[in-house]
Every structure is written in structure tokens, then in C-alpha cells.
Amino acid sequence: MSKIFSLFLCFFCFSISNAQNLDIDILKDININRNTNLDPFMKGVSSSVVPISVGAPIVMYAVGLIEKDSVTKQKAIFLGETLGASVFISLALKSIVKRDRPYETYPEIDNVTEESSYSFPSAHTSSAFATATSLSMEYPKWYVIAPSFLWAGTVGYSRMHLGVHYPSDVLAGAIVGSGSAYLCYKLNQWINKKKIRKVPVLWE
């Protein structure tokens, strides 16, 4: 039994080591070989996350108020809930995992910007995918889905281009963001069902 456990442990460590090597190899290919002329554009894409992710639900809610449209206001609240959930989960994981930024571990990584928080997962990516997924769920049209996920995907790529995140950070961020939207959607469904069951039927 001990031999099987030792074999499993060696295989697990070997797999983790290979994954880490692949992680940094992909980042080096993206960051070190990047087109530096795109640096300002990639910085702009990264910087767009907060205004878009925060601004979208605010603008939607304002439109709902002006037009007295409760459905639009509810959709705006859903977007806000999803963003809040993704930010909370991302910050919690950062404080638990405490992974250093790639440029702190590998001096050859050319970081275009400085970041003060931990690396895993990418909060920029999680926020972008939370916004893209929730928008796509509320407005399931190709002209909403395509640009939303194109923007979110570009945000994720920009974090590697700028040398501030590993590919696994970005992948985890995308999962956290999309997962937050799904969880909030299911939670809202459950709450709404509970509310409907509590409403008394007066005409029976």
C-alpha cells in the first residue's frame, strides 16, 4: 500500500512540475516574443475592465429607472451580483494561494506594469468573464455574445502580454468569472421559486 502511495505521490509531483514548466514556457513565448508596439493597446484593454464591468450594470439600471422597466433593472442587478461574486472569490483565492507574480520569480519576464496583489487567479480576467457571461445570459444574441467574449478573451491575453499573469492565472480567472455568473443565475432562480411559493393564492 505504501509503495502505491509513493508511486502516486511521485506521479502527482511530476505532473505538477510539468504543468509549472508549461505555464512559464507559454508565458515566455507570449511576453518575451511580444510585439512591443501593442503594449499601449494591451494596457488600455486591461484598464478597461473596471469601467466596463462596473459601468455596465450602472448604465443598465439607470436606463431601467428612466424607462420604468423593472426587467432591465433586474438584469442590471444580476450583472452587479455576478461582478461582486467574482471579485470576492478572486480576492479570497489570492489570499489563500499567495502565488507571486511571474516577473518576481522569473527576472526574464518583462512586466510592462506593476501589480501589488498576488497572481492567482487573474482578477481582471475573472471580472471581464463575469461581465461577458452575465451579459450573454441576459441577452443571448450573437451581437452581444461575440463582442463580449472577444473583449474578455483579449483582457486575459493582455495580462500575459504585459507579463503580470501566468496562463493558469488567466484560465482560473475565466472559470471564476463564468462560474460566478452561472452560480448567481441559479441562486436567483432558487430565490424566485421560494418567493412564488410564499405568495398566497387568494382566489381559491
N, C-alpha and C. Protein backbone atom coordinates (compact mmCIF):
# COMPACT_ATOMS: atom_id res chain seq x y z
N MET A 1 0.83 -1.20 0.00
CA MET A 1 0.00 0.00 0.00
C MET A 1 0.87 1.26 0.00
N SER A 2 1.94 1.21 0.81
CA SER A 2 2.84 2.35 0.91
C SER A 2 3.56 2.59 -0.42
N LYS A 3 3.85 1.50 -1.16
CA LYS A 3 4.52 1.64 -2.46
C LYS A 3 3.58 2.32 -3.47
N ILE A 4 2.30 1.94 -3.42
CA ILE A 4 1.32 2.55 -4.33
C ILE A 4 1.17 4.03 -4.03
N PHE A 5 1.12 4.37 -2.74
CA PHE A 5 1.01 5.77 -2.34
C PHE A 5 2.23 6.57 -2.79
N SER A 6 3.41 5.99 -2.60
CA SER A 6 4.65 6.67 -3.00
C SER A 6 4.68 6.89 -4.51
N LEU A 7 4.22 5.87 -5.25
CA LEU A 7 4.17 5.98 -6.70
C LEU A 7 3.20 7.08 -7.13
N PHE A 8 2.04 7.12 -6.48
CA PHE A 8 1.04 8.15 -6.78
C PHE A 8 1.60 9.54 -6.47
N LEU A 9 2.29 9.67 -5.32
CA LEU A 9 2.86 10.95 -4.92
C LEU A 9 3.91 11.42 -5.91
N CYS A 10 4.74 10.49 -6.38
CA CYS A 10 5.77 10.85 -7.37
C CYS A 10 5.13 11.29 -8.68
N PHE A 11 4.08 10.58 -9.08
CA PHE A 11 3.38 10.94 -10.32
C PHE A 11 2.73 12.31 -10.20
N PHE A 12 2.14 12.58 -9.02
CA PHE A 12 1.49 13.88 -8.79
C PHE A 12 2.50 15.02 -8.84
N CYS A 13 3.63 14.83 -8.17
CA CYS A 13 4.68 15.86 -8.16
C CYS A 13 5.25 16.08 -9.56
N PHE A 14 5.41 14.99 -10.30
CA PHE A 14 5.91 15.09 -11.68
C PHE A 14 4.93 15.86 -12.56
N SER A 15 3.62 15.59 -12.37
CA SER A 15 2.60 16.28 -13.15
C SER A 15 2.56 17.76 -12.84
N ILE A 16 2.67 18.09 -11.55
CA ILE A 16 2.68 19.49 -11.13
C ILE A 16 3.89 20.21 -11.70
N SER A 17 5.03 19.55 -11.66
CA SER A 17 6.26 20.14 -12.18
C SER A 17 6.15 20.42 -13.67
N ASN A 18 5.61 19.44 -14.42
CA ASN A 18 5.42 19.62 -15.87
C ASN A 18 4.45 20.75 -16.16
N ALA A 19 3.38 20.83 -15.36
CA ALA A 19 2.38 21.88 -15.54
C ALA A 19 3.00 23.25 -15.31
N GLN A 20 3.85 23.36 -14.28
CA GLN A 20 4.51 24.63 -13.98
C GLN A 20 5.47 25.02 -15.10
N ASN A 21 6.18 24.03 -15.63
CA ASN A 21 7.09 24.30 -16.74
C ASN A 21 6.33 24.78 -17.97
N LEU A 22 5.21 24.12 -18.26
CA LEU A 22 4.39 24.52 -19.41
C LEU A 22 3.84 25.92 -19.20
N ASP A 23 3.43 26.21 -17.97
CA ASP A 23 2.88 27.52 -17.62
C ASP A 23 3.86 28.64 -17.95
N ILE A 24 5.09 28.51 -17.47
CA ILE A 24 6.08 29.57 -17.68
C ILE A 24 6.57 29.58 -19.12
N ASP A 25 6.64 28.41 -19.77
CA ASP A 25 7.07 28.36 -21.17
C ASP A 25 6.10 29.12 -22.08
N ILE A 26 4.80 28.91 -21.85
CA ILE A 26 3.79 29.62 -22.65
C ILE A 26 3.88 31.12 -22.39
N LEU A 27 4.04 31.50 -21.12
CA LEU A 27 4.14 32.92 -20.79
C LEU A 27 5.35 33.56 -21.44
N LYS A 28 6.47 32.86 -21.42
CA LYS A 28 7.68 33.39 -22.06
C LYS A 28 7.47 33.61 -23.55
N ASP A 29 6.83 32.64 -24.20
CA ASP A 29 6.56 32.78 -25.64
C ASP A 29 5.70 34.01 -25.92
N ILE A 30 4.73 34.25 -25.05
CA ILE A 30 3.82 35.39 -25.26
C ILE A 30 4.49 36.71 -24.90
N ASN A 31 5.15 36.75 -23.73
CA ASN A 31 5.67 38.00 -23.20
C ASN A 31 7.00 38.43 -23.82
N ILE A 32 7.95 37.52 -23.83
CA ILE A 32 9.28 37.89 -24.32
C ILE A 32 9.28 38.13 -25.82
N ASN A 33 8.48 37.35 -26.55
CA ASN A 33 8.44 37.49 -28.02
C ASN A 33 7.32 38.41 -28.49
N ARG A 34 6.76 39.19 -27.62
CA ARG A 34 5.62 40.04 -27.97
C ARG A 34 6.01 41.20 -28.88
N ASN A 35 5.00 41.74 -29.55
CA ASN A 35 5.17 42.96 -30.33
C ASN A 35 5.01 44.14 -29.36
N THR A 36 6.10 44.80 -29.02
CA THR A 36 6.06 45.87 -28.02
C THR A 36 5.22 47.06 -28.48
N ASN A 37 4.98 47.16 -29.78
CA ASN A 37 4.12 48.25 -30.27
C ASN A 37 2.68 48.11 -29.76
N LEU A 38 2.34 46.87 -29.36
CA LEU A 38 0.99 46.62 -28.85
C LEU A 38 0.85 46.88 -27.35
N ASP A 39 1.95 47.22 -26.70
CA ASP A 39 1.92 47.44 -25.25
C ASP A 39 0.87 48.47 -24.82
N PRO A 40 0.83 49.65 -25.46
CA PRO A 40 -0.19 50.64 -25.06
C PRO A 40 -1.62 50.13 -25.24
N PHE A 41 -1.85 49.40 -26.34
CA PHE A 41 -3.18 48.85 -26.58
C PHE A 41 -3.55 47.83 -25.51
N MET A 42 -2.61 46.94 -25.16
CA MET A 42 -2.88 45.92 -24.16
C MET A 42 -3.09 46.53 -22.79
N LYS A 43 -2.35 47.60 -22.48
CA LYS A 43 -2.57 48.29 -21.21
C LYS A 43 -3.96 48.91 -21.19
N GLY A 44 -4.39 49.43 -22.32
CA GLY A 44 -5.73 50.02 -22.42
C GLY A 44 -6.81 48.98 -22.24
N VAL A 45 -6.61 47.80 -22.83
CA VAL A 45 -7.58 46.71 -22.69
C VAL A 45 -7.70 46.30 -21.22
N SER A 46 -6.56 46.15 -20.55
CA SER A 46 -6.57 45.78 -19.13
C SER A 46 -7.27 46.85 -18.30
N SER A 47 -6.99 48.11 -18.63
CA SER A 47 -7.57 49.22 -17.87
C SER A 47 -9.07 49.38 -18.10
N SER A 48 -9.58 48.76 -19.17
CA SER A 48 -11.00 48.90 -19.50
C SER A 48 -11.90 48.05 -18.61
N VAL A 49 -11.31 47.11 -17.87
CA VAL A 49 -12.11 46.15 -17.11
C VAL A 49 -12.99 46.83 -16.07
N VAL A 50 -12.41 47.69 -15.26
CA VAL A 50 -13.18 48.34 -14.19
C VAL A 50 -14.30 49.22 -14.73
N PRO A 51 -13.99 50.16 -15.65
CA PRO A 51 -15.08 51.00 -16.15
C PRO A 51 -16.19 50.24 -16.87
N ILE A 52 -15.84 49.19 -17.62
CA ILE A 52 -16.87 48.42 -18.33
C ILE A 52 -17.65 47.53 -17.38
N SER A 53 -16.95 46.79 -16.53
CA SER A 53 -17.61 45.85 -15.62
C SER A 53 -18.47 46.56 -14.58
N VAL A 54 -18.01 47.70 -14.10
CA VAL A 54 -18.78 48.46 -13.12
C VAL A 54 -19.83 49.34 -13.82
N GLY A 55 -19.42 49.90 -14.97
CA GLY A 55 -20.31 50.82 -15.68
C GLY A 55 -21.51 50.15 -16.31
N ALA A 56 -21.35 48.92 -16.80
CA ALA A 56 -22.45 48.23 -17.50
C ALA A 56 -23.70 48.09 -16.63
N PRO A 57 -23.59 47.53 -15.41
CA PRO A 57 -24.80 47.41 -14.59
C PRO A 57 -25.36 48.77 -14.15
N ILE A 58 -24.49 49.75 -13.93
CA ILE A 58 -24.95 51.08 -13.53
C ILE A 58 -25.76 51.73 -14.63
N VAL A 59 -25.23 51.68 -15.86
CA VAL A 59 -25.94 52.27 -17.00
C VAL A 59 -27.25 51.54 -17.24
N MET A 60 -27.22 50.21 -17.17
CA MET A 60 -28.44 49.43 -17.38
C MET A 60 -29.51 49.77 -16.34
N TYR A 61 -29.07 49.91 -15.09
CA TYR A 61 -30.04 50.23 -14.03
C TYR A 61 -30.61 51.63 -14.23
N ALA A 62 -29.76 52.57 -14.65
CA ALA A 62 -30.23 53.93 -14.91
C ALA A 62 -31.26 53.95 -16.04
N VAL A 63 -31.00 53.16 -17.09
CA VAL A 63 -31.96 53.06 -18.20
C VAL A 63 -33.27 52.47 -17.70
N GLY A 64 -33.17 51.46 -16.84
CA GLY A 64 -34.37 50.85 -16.28
C GLY A 64 -35.19 51.83 -15.46
N LEU A 65 -34.49 52.68 -14.71
CA LEU A 65 -35.19 53.70 -13.92
C LEU A 65 -35.89 54.72 -14.80
N ILE A 66 -35.17 55.19 -15.82
CA ILE A 66 -35.71 56.21 -16.72
C ILE A 66 -36.94 55.67 -17.47
N GLU A 67 -36.82 54.44 -17.96
CA GLU A 67 -37.90 53.85 -18.74
C GLU A 67 -38.92 53.10 -17.87
N LYS A 68 -38.69 53.11 -16.56
CA LYS A 68 -39.55 52.39 -15.62
C LYS A 68 -39.72 50.92 -16.04
N ASP A 69 -38.56 50.34 -16.35
CA ASP A 69 -38.52 48.95 -16.83
C ASP A 69 -37.90 48.07 -15.74
N SER A 70 -38.74 47.35 -15.01
CA SER A 70 -38.25 46.52 -13.91
C SER A 70 -37.39 45.35 -14.39
N VAL A 71 -37.65 44.87 -15.60
CA VAL A 71 -36.87 43.75 -16.15
C VAL A 71 -35.42 44.18 -16.37
N THR A 72 -35.23 45.36 -16.97
CA THR A 72 -33.88 45.88 -17.21
C THR A 72 -33.15 46.12 -15.90
N LYS A 73 -33.87 46.63 -14.90
CA LYS A 73 -33.25 46.85 -13.59
C LYS A 73 -32.83 45.52 -12.96
N GLN A 74 -33.65 44.49 -13.12
CA GLN A 74 -33.31 43.18 -12.58
C GLN A 74 -32.08 42.60 -13.27
N LYS A 75 -31.98 42.82 -14.57
CA LYS A 75 -30.81 42.35 -15.31
C LYS A 75 -29.55 43.08 -14.84
N ALA A 76 -29.69 44.37 -14.57
CA ALA A 76 -28.56 45.16 -14.09
C ALA A 76 -28.09 44.66 -12.73
N ILE A 77 -29.05 44.33 -11.87
CA ILE A 77 -28.71 43.80 -10.54
C ILE A 77 -27.97 42.48 -10.67
N PHE A 78 -28.42 41.64 -11.62
CA PHE A 78 -27.75 40.35 -11.85
C PHE A 78 -26.30 40.55 -12.27
N LEU A 79 -26.07 41.52 -13.17
CA LEU A 79 -24.69 41.82 -13.59
C LEU A 79 -23.85 42.27 -12.40
N GLY A 80 -24.43 43.11 -11.55
CA GLY A 80 -23.72 43.58 -10.37
C GLY A 80 -23.41 42.47 -9.39
N GLU A 81 -24.37 41.58 -9.20
CA GLU A 81 -24.18 40.44 -8.30
C GLU A 81 -23.05 39.54 -8.80
N THR A 82 -23.06 39.30 -10.10
CA THR A 82 -22.04 38.43 -10.70
C THR A 82 -20.66 39.04 -10.53
N LEU A 83 -20.54 40.33 -10.80
CA LEU A 83 -19.25 41.01 -10.64
C LEU A 83 -18.78 40.93 -9.19
N GLY A 84 -19.70 41.20 -8.26
CA GLY A 84 -19.33 41.15 -6.85
C GLY A 84 -18.86 39.77 -6.42
N ALA A 85 -19.55 38.74 -6.90
CA ALA A 85 -19.18 37.37 -6.56
C ALA A 85 -17.80 37.01 -7.12
N SER A 86 -17.54 37.40 -8.36
CA SER A 86 -16.26 37.07 -8.99
C SER A 86 -15.11 37.79 -8.29
N VAL A 87 -15.32 39.04 -7.91
CA VAL A 87 -14.28 39.80 -7.21
C VAL A 87 -14.00 39.17 -5.85
N PHE A 88 -15.07 38.81 -5.13
CA PHE A 88 -14.91 38.20 -3.80
C PHE A 88 -14.14 36.88 -3.89
N ILE A 89 -14.53 36.01 -4.83
CA ILE A 89 -13.87 34.71 -4.98
C ILE A 89 -12.42 34.89 -5.40
N SER A 90 -12.17 35.81 -6.32
CA SER A 90 -10.80 36.04 -6.79
C SER A 90 -9.90 36.52 -5.67
N LEU A 91 -10.38 37.49 -4.88
CA LEU A 91 -9.58 38.02 -3.78
C LEU A 91 -9.34 36.95 -2.71
N ALA A 92 -10.36 36.12 -2.47
CA ALA A 92 -10.22 35.05 -1.48
C ALA A 92 -9.16 34.05 -1.93
N LEU A 93 -9.20 33.66 -3.20
CA LEU A 93 -8.22 32.71 -3.73
C LEU A 93 -6.81 33.31 -3.71
N LYS A 94 -6.69 34.59 -4.02
CA LYS A 94 -5.38 35.24 -3.99
C LYS A 94 -4.77 35.15 -2.58
N SER A 95 -5.60 35.42 -1.57
CA SER A 95 -5.09 35.42 -0.20
C SER A 95 -4.78 34.00 0.29
N ILE A 96 -5.44 33.00 -0.30
CA ILE A 96 -5.20 31.61 0.10
C ILE A 96 -3.97 31.04 -0.61
N VAL A 97 -3.93 31.21 -1.95
CA VAL A 97 -2.84 30.61 -2.75
C VAL A 97 -1.54 31.39 -2.59
N LYS A 98 -1.63 32.72 -2.57
CA LYS A 98 -0.46 33.60 -2.40
C LYS A 98 0.65 33.31 -3.42
N ARG A 99 0.27 33.25 -4.66
CA ARG A 99 1.25 33.00 -5.73
C ARG A 99 1.90 34.30 -6.16
N ASP A 100 3.22 34.31 -6.20
CA ASP A 100 3.94 35.51 -6.62
C ASP A 100 3.72 35.78 -8.11
N ARG A 101 3.85 37.04 -8.48
CA ARG A 101 3.76 37.42 -9.89
C ARG A 101 4.90 36.78 -10.67
N PRO A 102 4.67 36.44 -11.94
CA PRO A 102 5.72 35.75 -12.71
C PRO A 102 7.02 36.54 -12.82
N TYR A 103 6.94 37.87 -12.91
CA TYR A 103 8.15 38.67 -13.05
C TYR A 103 8.95 38.73 -11.74
N GLU A 104 8.30 38.36 -10.63
CA GLU A 104 9.02 38.30 -9.36
C GLU A 104 9.82 37.01 -9.24
N THR A 105 9.33 35.96 -9.87
CA THR A 105 10.01 34.66 -9.83
C THR A 105 10.98 34.48 -10.99
N TYR A 106 10.60 35.02 -12.15
CA TYR A 106 11.42 34.88 -13.35
C TYR A 106 11.82 36.27 -13.86
N PRO A 107 13.06 36.69 -13.58
CA PRO A 107 13.52 38.04 -13.97
C PRO A 107 13.47 38.30 -15.47
N GLU A 108 13.48 37.24 -16.27
CA GLU A 108 13.46 37.44 -17.72
C GLU A 108 12.09 37.90 -18.23
N ILE A 109 11.06 37.75 -17.41
CA ILE A 109 9.74 38.24 -17.79
C ILE A 109 9.72 39.76 -17.74
N ASP A 110 9.35 40.37 -18.83
CA ASP A 110 9.34 41.83 -18.94
C ASP A 110 7.95 42.36 -18.61
N ASN A 111 7.76 42.75 -17.35
CA ASN A 111 6.46 43.26 -16.95
C ASN A 111 6.32 44.73 -17.35
N VAL A 112 5.26 45.03 -18.06
CA VAL A 112 5.01 46.39 -18.53
C VAL A 112 4.37 47.23 -17.43
N THR A 113 3.65 46.57 -16.53
CA THR A 113 3.02 47.26 -15.40
C THR A 113 3.40 46.57 -14.09
N GLU A 114 3.21 47.28 -12.99
CA GLU A 114 3.47 46.73 -11.66
C GLU A 114 2.14 46.41 -10.99
N GLU A 115 2.09 45.30 -10.28
CA GLU A 115 0.89 44.91 -9.56
C GLU A 115 1.27 44.63 -8.11
N SER A 116 0.40 45.03 -7.18
CA SER A 116 0.70 44.88 -5.76
C SER A 116 0.10 43.62 -5.15
N SER A 117 -0.90 43.03 -5.80
CA SER A 117 -1.57 41.86 -5.25
C SER A 117 -0.90 40.57 -5.73
N TYR A 118 -1.40 39.43 -5.22
CA TYR A 118 -0.89 38.14 -5.66
C TYR A 118 -1.39 37.80 -7.06
N SER A 119 -0.84 36.74 -7.64
CA SER A 119 -1.05 36.46 -9.05
C SER A 119 -2.26 35.58 -9.36
N PHE A 120 -2.53 34.58 -8.52
CA PHE A 120 -3.57 33.58 -8.83
C PHE A 120 -4.83 33.81 -8.03
N PRO A 121 -5.99 33.92 -8.72
CA PRO A 121 -6.19 33.96 -10.18
C PRO A 121 -6.13 35.40 -10.69
N SER A 122 -6.32 35.59 -11.99
CA SER A 122 -6.35 36.92 -12.57
C SER A 122 -7.70 37.57 -12.30
N ALA A 123 -7.72 38.59 -11.44
CA ALA A 123 -8.97 39.27 -11.10
C ALA A 123 -9.51 40.06 -12.29
N HIS A 124 -8.60 40.62 -13.11
CA HIS A 124 -9.03 41.33 -14.32
C HIS A 124 -9.81 40.38 -15.23
N THR A 125 -9.25 39.18 -15.42
CA THR A 125 -9.89 38.20 -16.30
C THR A 125 -11.21 37.71 -15.71
N SER A 126 -11.25 37.47 -14.41
CA SER A 126 -12.49 36.98 -13.80
C SER A 126 -13.59 38.03 -13.90
N SER A 127 -13.25 39.29 -13.69
CA SER A 127 -14.26 40.36 -13.81
C SER A 127 -14.76 40.49 -15.24
N ALA A 128 -13.83 40.40 -16.20
CA ALA A 128 -14.21 40.51 -17.61
C ALA A 128 -15.12 39.36 -18.02
N PHE A 129 -14.79 38.14 -17.62
CA PHE A 129 -15.61 36.98 -17.99
C PHE A 129 -16.93 36.96 -17.22
N ALA A 130 -16.93 37.50 -16.01
CA ALA A 130 -18.18 37.60 -15.27
C ALA A 130 -19.14 38.53 -16.01
N THR A 131 -18.63 39.65 -16.49
CA THR A 131 -19.45 40.60 -17.23
C THR A 131 -19.89 40.01 -18.56
N ALA A 132 -18.97 39.40 -19.29
CA ALA A 132 -19.29 38.83 -20.60
C ALA A 132 -20.32 37.71 -20.48
N THR A 133 -20.15 36.85 -19.48
CA THR A 133 -21.07 35.71 -19.32
C THR A 133 -22.45 36.17 -18.88
N SER A 134 -22.51 37.08 -17.92
CA SER A 134 -23.82 37.55 -17.44
C SER A 134 -24.56 38.33 -18.52
N LEU A 135 -23.83 39.14 -19.28
CA LEU A 135 -24.46 39.86 -20.40
C LEU A 135 -25.01 38.89 -21.42
N SER A 136 -24.22 37.87 -21.72
CA SER A 136 -24.63 36.87 -22.73
C SER A 136 -25.82 36.05 -22.26
N MET A 137 -25.91 35.82 -20.96
CA MET A 137 -27.04 35.06 -20.42
C MET A 137 -28.33 35.89 -20.45
N GLU A 138 -28.19 37.19 -20.22
CA GLU A 138 -29.37 38.05 -20.22
C GLU A 138 -29.77 38.49 -21.63
N TYR A 139 -28.79 38.58 -22.51
CA TYR A 139 -29.05 38.97 -23.91
C TYR A 139 -28.40 37.95 -24.84
N PRO A 140 -29.01 36.78 -24.98
CA PRO A 140 -28.40 35.69 -25.77
C PRO A 140 -28.49 35.90 -27.28
N LYS A 141 -27.87 36.96 -27.74
CA LYS A 141 -27.81 37.28 -29.17
C LYS A 141 -26.34 37.28 -29.60
N TRP A 142 -26.07 36.87 -30.83
CA TRP A 142 -24.69 36.76 -31.28
C TRP A 142 -23.96 38.10 -31.22
N TYR A 143 -24.70 39.19 -31.46
CA TYR A 143 -24.04 40.50 -31.47
C TYR A 143 -23.75 41.01 -30.06
N VAL A 144 -24.22 40.29 -29.04
CA VAL A 144 -23.83 40.57 -27.66
C VAL A 144 -22.76 39.57 -27.21
N ILE A 145 -23.00 38.29 -27.52
CA ILE A 145 -22.09 37.23 -27.07
C ILE A 145 -20.70 37.37 -27.69
N ALA A 146 -20.65 37.55 -29.02
CA ALA A 146 -19.35 37.59 -29.72
C ALA A 146 -18.45 38.71 -29.23
N PRO A 147 -18.91 39.98 -29.24
CA PRO A 147 -18.02 41.04 -28.77
C PRO A 147 -17.70 40.96 -27.28
N SER A 148 -18.65 40.44 -26.49
CA SER A 148 -18.42 40.33 -25.05
C SER A 148 -17.27 39.38 -24.74
N PHE A 149 -17.31 38.20 -25.36
CA PHE A 149 -16.26 37.23 -25.08
C PHE A 149 -14.96 37.55 -25.83
N LEU A 150 -15.05 38.26 -26.94
CA LEU A 150 -13.83 38.71 -27.62
C LEU A 150 -13.09 39.69 -26.72
N TRP A 151 -13.85 40.60 -26.11
CA TRP A 151 -13.25 41.56 -25.17
C TRP A 151 -12.67 40.84 -23.96
N ALA A 152 -13.43 39.92 -23.37
CA ALA A 152 -12.96 39.20 -22.18
C ALA A 152 -11.71 38.38 -22.49
N GLY A 153 -11.72 37.72 -23.65
CA GLY A 153 -10.55 36.93 -24.05
C GLY A 153 -9.32 37.80 -24.26
N THR A 154 -9.52 38.99 -24.85
CA THR A 154 -8.42 39.91 -25.07
C THR A 154 -7.87 40.43 -23.75
N VAL A 155 -8.76 40.64 -22.78
CA VAL A 155 -8.32 41.05 -21.44
C VAL A 155 -7.39 39.99 -20.86
N GLY A 156 -7.81 38.72 -20.95
CA GLY A 156 -6.99 37.63 -20.44
C GLY A 156 -5.63 37.58 -21.12
N TYR A 157 -5.63 37.72 -22.44
CA TYR A 157 -4.36 37.68 -23.18
C TYR A 157 -3.48 38.86 -22.80
N SER A 158 -4.10 40.02 -22.60
CA SER A 158 -3.33 41.22 -22.26
C SER A 158 -2.57 41.05 -20.95
N ARG A 159 -3.13 40.30 -20.02
CA ARG A 159 -2.46 40.10 -18.73
C ARG A 159 -1.18 39.29 -18.89
N MET A 160 -1.16 38.37 -19.86
CA MET A 160 0.06 37.62 -20.15
C MET A 160 1.02 38.44 -20.99
N HIS A 161 0.48 39.18 -21.95
CA HIS A 161 1.30 40.06 -22.79
C HIS A 161 2.07 41.06 -21.93
N LEU A 162 1.41 41.57 -20.90
CA LEU A 162 2.03 42.55 -20.02
C LEU A 162 2.94 41.93 -18.97
N GLY A 163 2.96 40.59 -18.91
CA GLY A 163 3.88 39.89 -18.02
C GLY A 163 3.46 39.85 -16.56
N VAL A 164 2.18 40.04 -16.27
CA VAL A 164 1.74 40.10 -14.88
C VAL A 164 0.98 38.85 -14.44
N HIS A 165 0.71 37.93 -15.37
CA HIS A 165 -0.01 36.71 -15.02
C HIS A 165 0.48 35.51 -15.82
N TYR A 166 0.44 34.35 -15.17
CA TYR A 166 0.68 33.08 -15.85
C TYR A 166 -0.59 32.69 -16.63
N PRO A 167 -0.45 31.82 -17.63
CA PRO A 167 -1.63 31.31 -18.34
C PRO A 167 -2.64 30.65 -17.40
N SER A 168 -2.15 29.92 -16.38
CA SER A 168 -3.06 29.26 -15.45
C SER A 168 -3.83 30.28 -14.61
N ASP A 169 -3.23 31.43 -14.34
CA ASP A 169 -3.95 32.50 -13.63
C ASP A 169 -5.13 32.98 -14.46
N VAL A 170 -4.87 33.16 -15.75
CA VAL A 170 -5.89 33.65 -16.67
C VAL A 170 -7.01 32.62 -16.84
N LEU A 171 -6.62 31.35 -17.00
CA LEU A 171 -7.61 30.29 -17.14
C LEU A 171 -8.49 30.20 -15.89
N ALA A 172 -7.86 30.26 -14.73
CA ALA A 172 -8.62 30.22 -13.48
C ALA A 172 -9.55 31.42 -13.37
N GLY A 173 -9.06 32.59 -13.80
CA GLY A 173 -9.89 33.79 -13.76
C GLY A 173 -11.12 33.67 -14.65
N ALA A 174 -10.93 33.09 -15.83
CA ALA A 174 -12.06 32.89 -16.74
C ALA A 174 -13.09 31.93 -16.14
N ILE A 175 -12.61 30.88 -15.47
CA ILE A 175 -13.50 29.91 -14.84
C ILE A 175 -14.26 30.56 -13.67
N VAL A 176 -13.54 31.34 -12.87
CA VAL A 176 -14.17 32.01 -11.72
C VAL A 176 -15.24 33.00 -12.21
N GLY A 177 -14.90 33.78 -13.24
CA GLY A 177 -15.85 34.77 -13.75
C GLY A 177 -17.10 34.13 -14.34
N SER A 178 -16.91 33.17 -15.22
CA SER A 178 -18.05 32.49 -15.85
C SER A 178 -18.84 31.69 -14.81
N GLY A 179 -18.12 31.04 -13.90
CA GLY A 179 -18.79 30.27 -12.85
C GLY A 179 -19.60 31.15 -11.92
N SER A 180 -19.12 32.35 -11.64
CA SER A 180 -19.85 33.27 -10.78
C SER A 180 -21.18 33.66 -11.41
N ALA A 181 -21.16 33.88 -12.72
CA ALA A 181 -22.40 34.22 -13.43
C ALA A 181 -23.40 33.07 -13.34
N TYR A 182 -22.92 31.86 -13.55
CA TYR A 182 -23.80 30.68 -13.51
C TYR A 182 -24.37 30.48 -12.11
N LEU A 183 -23.52 30.60 -11.08
CA LEU A 183 -23.97 30.41 -9.71
C LEU A 183 -25.00 31.47 -9.30
N CYS A 184 -24.74 32.72 -9.68
CA CYS A 184 -25.69 33.79 -9.35
C CYS A 184 -27.02 33.58 -10.07
N TYR A 185 -26.94 33.11 -11.30
CA TYR A 185 -28.16 32.84 -12.07
C TYR A 185 -28.99 31.76 -11.39
N LYS A 186 -28.34 30.67 -10.98
CA LYS A 186 -29.04 29.58 -10.33
C LYS A 186 -29.58 30.00 -8.95
N LEU A 187 -28.80 30.81 -8.25
CA LEU A 187 -29.23 31.29 -6.94
C LEU A 187 -30.47 32.17 -7.07
N ASN A 188 -30.49 33.04 -8.07
CA ASN A 188 -31.65 33.90 -8.30
C ASN A 188 -32.88 33.07 -8.67
N GLN A 189 -32.67 32.02 -9.47
CA GLN A 189 -33.78 31.13 -9.81
C GLN A 189 -34.36 30.49 -8.56
N TRP A 190 -33.51 30.03 -7.67
CA TRP A 190 -33.95 29.37 -6.44
C TRP A 190 -34.69 30.35 -5.54
N ILE A 191 -34.18 31.58 -5.42
CA ILE A 191 -34.83 32.60 -4.59
C ILE A 191 -36.20 32.97 -5.15
N ASN A 192 -36.28 33.13 -6.47
CA ASN A 192 -37.55 33.48 -7.11
C ASN A 192 -38.60 32.37 -6.92
N LYS A 193 -38.17 31.11 -6.98
CA LYS A 193 -39.10 30.00 -6.75
C LYS A 193 -39.62 30.02 -5.32
N LYS A 194 -38.73 30.36 -4.39
CA LYS A 194 -39.12 30.44 -2.99
C LYS A 194 -40.17 31.54 -2.79
N LYS A 195 -39.95 32.68 -3.46
CA LYS A 195 -40.88 33.80 -3.34
C LYS A 195 -42.26 33.44 -3.90
N ILE A 196 -42.26 32.75 -5.04
CA ILE A 196 -43.53 32.36 -5.67
C ILE A 196 -44.32 31.41 -4.77
N ARG A 197 -43.62 30.49 -4.12
CA ARG A 197 -44.29 29.53 -3.24
C ARG A 197 -44.92 30.20 -2.01
N LYS A 198 -44.32 31.34 -1.59
CA LYS A 198 -44.81 32.02 -0.40
C LYS A 198 -45.99 32.94 -0.68
N VAL A 199 -46.24 33.25 -1.96
CA VAL A 199 -47.35 34.13 -2.32
C VAL A 199 -48.67 33.36 -2.17
N PRO A 200 -49.59 33.83 -1.31
CA PRO A 200 -50.86 33.11 -1.12
C PRO A 200 -51.78 33.26 -2.32
N VAL A 201 -52.47 32.21 -2.66
CA VAL A 201 -53.43 32.23 -3.77
C VAL A 201 -54.80 32.59 -3.20
N LEU A 202 -55.23 33.85 -3.42
CA LEU A 202 -56.42 34.38 -2.77
C LEU A 202 -57.72 33.96 -3.45
N TRP A 203 -57.61 33.56 -4.72
CA TRP A 203 -58.86 33.28 -5.45
C TRP A 203 -59.32 31.83 -5.33
N GLU A 204 -58.58 31.00 -4.59
CA GLU A 204 -59.02 29.62 -4.42
C GLU A 204 -59.96 29.48 -3.22
